[in-house]
Amino acid sequence: MIRPLNEQYGISLAALRMLHYLEQIARGDRTFSIRDTTLNHRCNVTPPDNFALLDQLFEAGKIDYDYRGTGIDGERYVMLVG
């Protein structure tokens, strides 16, 4: 029996949809990154500072973070792994 892709990755269906959206907008560019709150907003995550889906993708090894800036002005960007 073949398990669903989200179960194979150990993530929720909502996180899988977010991953597919990220893959779609990146268009194969492994250097593509998007701000974490912007990605949440585009995937209708409320509130936009709820990072549960991103945490699932990070723990599954599907995304990584790029931190830009320091202190209160710092921003976190999401990029695909692999």
N, C-alpha and C. Protein backbone atom coordinates (compact mmCIF):
# COMPACT_ATOMS: atom_id res chain seq x y z
N MET A 1 0.84 -1.18 0.00
CA MET A 1 0.00 0.00 0.00
C MET A 1 0.88 1.25 0.00
N ILE A 2 0.53 2.17 -0.84
CA ILE A 2 1.30 3.41 -0.95
C ILE A 2 0.69 4.47 -0.02
N ARG A 3 1.53 5.00 0.84
CA ARG A 3 1.07 6.04 1.77
C ARG A 3 1.03 7.39 1.06
N PRO A 4 0.10 8.27 1.47
CA PRO A 4 0.06 9.63 0.90
C PRO A 4 1.38 10.36 1.12
N LEU A 5 1.68 11.27 0.21
CA LEU A 5 2.95 12.00 0.25
C LEU A 5 3.15 12.74 1.56
N ASN A 6 2.10 13.36 2.08
CA ASN A 6 2.26 14.09 3.34
C ASN A 6 2.63 13.15 4.48
N GLU A 7 2.10 11.93 4.48
CA GLU A 7 2.47 10.96 5.51
C GLU A 7 3.90 10.49 5.34
N GLN A 8 4.34 10.33 4.09
CA GLN A 8 5.72 9.94 3.83
C GLN A 8 6.68 10.99 4.36
N TYR A 9 6.32 12.26 4.22
CA TYR A 9 7.16 13.36 4.69
C TYR A 9 6.99 13.64 6.18
N GLY A 10 5.89 13.15 6.76
CA GLY A 10 5.61 13.42 8.17
C GLY A 10 5.08 14.82 8.41
N ILE A 11 4.27 15.33 7.46
CA ILE A 11 3.73 16.68 7.57
C ILE A 11 2.22 16.64 7.33
N SER A 12 1.54 17.72 7.67
CA SER A 12 0.10 17.82 7.45
C SER A 12 -0.21 18.12 5.99
N LEU A 13 -1.47 17.95 5.61
CA LEU A 13 -1.89 18.29 4.25
C LEU A 13 -1.70 19.77 3.96
N ALA A 14 -1.97 20.62 4.95
CA ALA A 14 -1.79 22.06 4.76
C ALA A 14 -0.31 22.40 4.51
N ALA A 15 0.59 21.73 5.22
CA ALA A 15 2.02 21.96 5.01
C ALA A 15 2.44 21.46 3.63
N LEU A 16 1.86 20.36 3.16
CA LEU A 16 2.16 19.85 1.83
C LEU A 16 1.69 20.83 0.76
N ARG A 17 0.51 21.42 0.96
CA ARG A 17 0.03 22.43 0.01
C ARG A 17 0.96 23.64 -0.01
N MET A 18 1.47 24.04 1.16
CA MET A 18 2.41 25.16 1.22
C MET A 18 3.69 24.80 0.47
N LEU A 19 4.17 23.58 0.65
CA LEU A 19 5.38 23.14 -0.03
C LEU A 19 5.18 23.16 -1.54
N HIS A 20 4.04 22.68 -2.01
CA HIS A 20 3.76 22.70 -3.45
C HIS A 20 3.69 24.13 -3.98
N TYR A 21 3.09 25.03 -3.21
CA TYR A 21 3.03 26.43 -3.63
C TYR A 21 4.45 27.01 -3.73
N LEU A 22 5.28 26.73 -2.74
CA LEU A 22 6.65 27.23 -2.75
C LEU A 22 7.43 26.68 -3.94
N GLU A 23 7.24 25.41 -4.24
CA GLU A 23 7.90 24.81 -5.42
C GLU A 23 7.41 25.47 -6.71
N GLN A 24 6.13 25.79 -6.76
CA GLN A 24 5.55 26.41 -7.95
C GLN A 24 6.13 27.80 -8.18
N ILE A 25 6.20 28.63 -7.14
CA ILE A 25 6.68 29.99 -7.34
C ILE A 25 8.19 30.06 -7.50
N ALA A 26 8.90 29.06 -6.97
CA ALA A 26 10.36 29.03 -7.12
C ALA A 26 10.76 28.63 -8.54
N ARG A 27 9.92 27.89 -9.23
CA ARG A 27 10.15 27.46 -10.61
C ARG A 27 11.53 26.84 -10.82
N GLY A 28 11.93 25.99 -9.88
CA GLY A 28 13.20 25.28 -10.02
C GLY A 28 14.43 26.07 -9.62
N ASP A 29 14.26 27.32 -9.23
CA ASP A 29 15.39 28.16 -8.82
C ASP A 29 15.71 27.87 -7.35
N ARG A 30 16.80 27.17 -7.10
CA ARG A 30 17.17 26.78 -5.73
C ARG A 30 17.67 27.96 -4.90
N THR A 31 17.89 29.10 -5.52
CA THR A 31 18.31 30.29 -4.76
C THR A 31 17.11 31.17 -4.40
N PHE A 32 15.91 30.79 -4.87
CA PHE A 32 14.71 31.57 -4.59
C PHE A 32 14.41 31.54 -3.10
N SER A 33 14.03 32.70 -2.56
CA SER A 33 13.61 32.77 -1.17
C SER A 33 12.45 33.76 -1.05
N ILE A 34 11.66 33.57 -0.02
CA ILE A 34 10.51 34.43 0.24
C ILE A 34 10.40 34.62 1.75
N ARG A 35 10.01 35.82 2.15
CA ARG A 35 9.88 36.11 3.58
C ARG A 35 8.83 35.20 4.20
N ASP A 36 9.09 34.70 5.40
CA ASP A 36 8.20 33.73 6.05
C ASP A 36 6.78 34.26 6.21
N THR A 37 6.61 35.51 6.61
CA THR A 37 5.26 36.05 6.80
C THR A 37 4.55 36.25 5.46
N THR A 38 5.30 36.55 4.41
CA THR A 38 4.70 36.69 3.07
C THR A 38 4.18 35.34 2.59
N LEU A 39 4.97 34.29 2.78
CA LEU A 39 4.54 32.95 2.40
C LEU A 39 3.30 32.55 3.19
N ASN A 40 3.29 32.80 4.48
CA ASN A 40 2.11 32.50 5.29
C ASN A 40 0.89 33.24 4.77
N HIS A 41 1.05 34.52 4.45
CA HIS A 41 -0.06 35.33 3.94
C HIS A 41 -0.60 34.75 2.64
N ARG A 42 0.30 34.39 1.72
CA ARG A 42 -0.12 33.85 0.42
C ARG A 42 -0.79 32.49 0.55
N CYS A 43 -0.47 31.76 1.61
CA CYS A 43 -1.07 30.44 1.84
C CYS A 43 -2.24 30.51 2.82
N ASN A 44 -2.70 31.71 3.10
CA ASN A 44 -3.86 31.95 3.97
C ASN A 44 -3.69 31.41 5.38
N VAL A 45 -2.49 31.48 5.92
CA VAL A 45 -2.23 31.09 7.30
C VAL A 45 -2.58 32.28 8.18
N THR A 46 -3.41 32.04 9.18
CA THR A 46 -3.77 33.12 10.10
C THR A 46 -3.47 32.69 11.52
N PRO A 47 -2.94 33.56 12.33
CA PRO A 47 -2.34 34.83 11.96
C PRO A 47 -1.04 34.60 11.18
N PRO A 48 -0.57 35.63 10.45
CA PRO A 48 0.61 35.44 9.60
C PRO A 48 1.89 35.14 10.36
N ASP A 49 1.87 35.31 11.68
CA ASP A 49 3.06 34.96 12.47
C ASP A 49 2.90 33.58 13.13
N ASN A 50 1.97 32.77 12.64
CA ASN A 50 1.82 31.39 13.07
C ASN A 50 2.71 30.53 12.17
N PHE A 51 3.80 30.03 12.70
CA PHE A 51 4.79 29.34 11.89
C PHE A 51 4.73 27.82 12.03
N ALA A 52 3.59 27.28 12.43
CA ALA A 52 3.46 25.83 12.64
C ALA A 52 3.72 25.05 11.34
N LEU A 53 3.18 25.51 10.23
CA LEU A 53 3.39 24.80 8.96
C LEU A 53 4.84 24.88 8.52
N LEU A 54 5.43 26.05 8.67
CA LEU A 54 6.85 26.20 8.32
C LEU A 54 7.72 25.33 9.22
N ASP A 55 7.36 25.23 10.49
CA ASP A 55 8.11 24.37 11.42
C ASP A 55 8.05 22.91 10.96
N GLN A 56 6.87 22.47 10.50
CA GLN A 56 6.74 21.09 10.00
C GLN A 56 7.65 20.86 8.80
N LEU A 57 7.64 21.81 7.87
CA LEU A 57 8.47 21.67 6.67
C LEU A 57 9.96 21.70 7.00
N PHE A 58 10.34 22.54 7.97
CA PHE A 58 11.75 22.61 8.38
C PHE A 58 12.18 21.31 9.03
N GLU A 59 11.35 20.79 9.93
CA GLU A 59 11.69 19.55 10.63
C GLU A 59 11.73 18.35 9.68
N ALA A 60 10.94 18.41 8.59
CA ALA A 60 10.95 17.35 7.60
C ALA A 60 12.12 17.49 6.62
N GLY A 61 12.88 18.58 6.73
CA GLY A 61 14.03 18.78 5.86
C GLY A 61 13.67 19.28 4.47
N LYS A 62 12.50 19.88 4.31
CA LYS A 62 12.05 20.35 3.00
C LYS A 62 12.40 21.81 2.75
N ILE A 63 12.59 22.60 3.80
CA ILE A 63 12.95 24.01 3.66
C ILE A 63 14.10 24.34 4.61
N ASP A 64 14.70 25.47 4.36
CA ASP A 64 15.71 26.02 5.25
C ASP A 64 15.45 27.51 5.36
N TYR A 65 16.10 28.15 6.30
CA TYR A 65 15.90 29.57 6.53
C TYR A 65 17.17 30.35 6.24
N ASP A 66 16.97 31.56 5.77
CA ASP A 66 18.05 32.50 5.55
C ASP A 66 17.69 33.74 6.36
N TYR A 67 18.54 34.07 7.32
CA TYR A 67 18.27 35.22 8.18
C TYR A 67 18.99 36.44 7.65
N ARG A 68 18.25 37.52 7.49
CA ARG A 68 18.82 38.77 6.97
C ARG A 68 18.56 39.88 7.97
N GLY A 69 19.59 40.67 8.23
CA GLY A 69 19.47 41.73 9.21
C GLY A 69 19.72 41.20 10.60
N THR A 70 19.74 42.09 11.55
CA THR A 70 19.99 41.69 12.93
C THR A 70 19.00 42.38 13.85
N GLY A 71 18.86 41.79 15.03
CA GLY A 71 18.02 42.40 16.05
C GLY A 71 16.57 42.53 15.62
N ILE A 72 15.96 43.62 15.99
CA ILE A 72 14.55 43.84 15.71
C ILE A 72 14.26 44.02 14.23
N ASP A 73 15.26 44.39 13.45
CA ASP A 73 15.10 44.59 12.01
C ASP A 73 15.34 43.32 11.21
N GLY A 74 15.67 42.22 11.89
CA GLY A 74 15.97 40.98 11.20
C GLY A 74 14.73 40.36 10.56
N GLU A 75 14.92 39.70 9.44
CA GLU A 75 13.85 39.02 8.74
C GLU A 75 14.29 37.60 8.43
N ARG A 76 13.33 36.69 8.37
CA ARG A 76 13.62 35.30 8.07
C ARG A 76 13.01 34.96 6.71
N TYR A 77 13.84 34.42 5.84
CA TYR A 77 13.40 34.02 4.50
C TYR A 77 13.41 32.51 4.40
N VAL A 78 12.47 31.99 3.63
CA VAL A 78 12.30 30.55 3.45
C VAL A 78 12.81 30.18 2.06
N MET A 79 13.55 29.06 1.99
CA MET A 79 13.99 28.54 0.69
C MET A 79 13.92 27.02 0.69
N LEU A 80 13.74 26.45 -0.48
CA LEU A 80 13.65 25.02 -0.63
C LEU A 80 15.01 24.37 -0.41
N VAL A 81 14.98 23.13 0.06
CA VAL A 81 16.21 22.34 0.26
C VAL A 81 16.28 21.30 -0.84
N GLY A 82 17.47 21.09 -1.34
CA GLY A 82 17.71 20.00 -2.28
C GLY A 82 17.45 20.33 -3.65
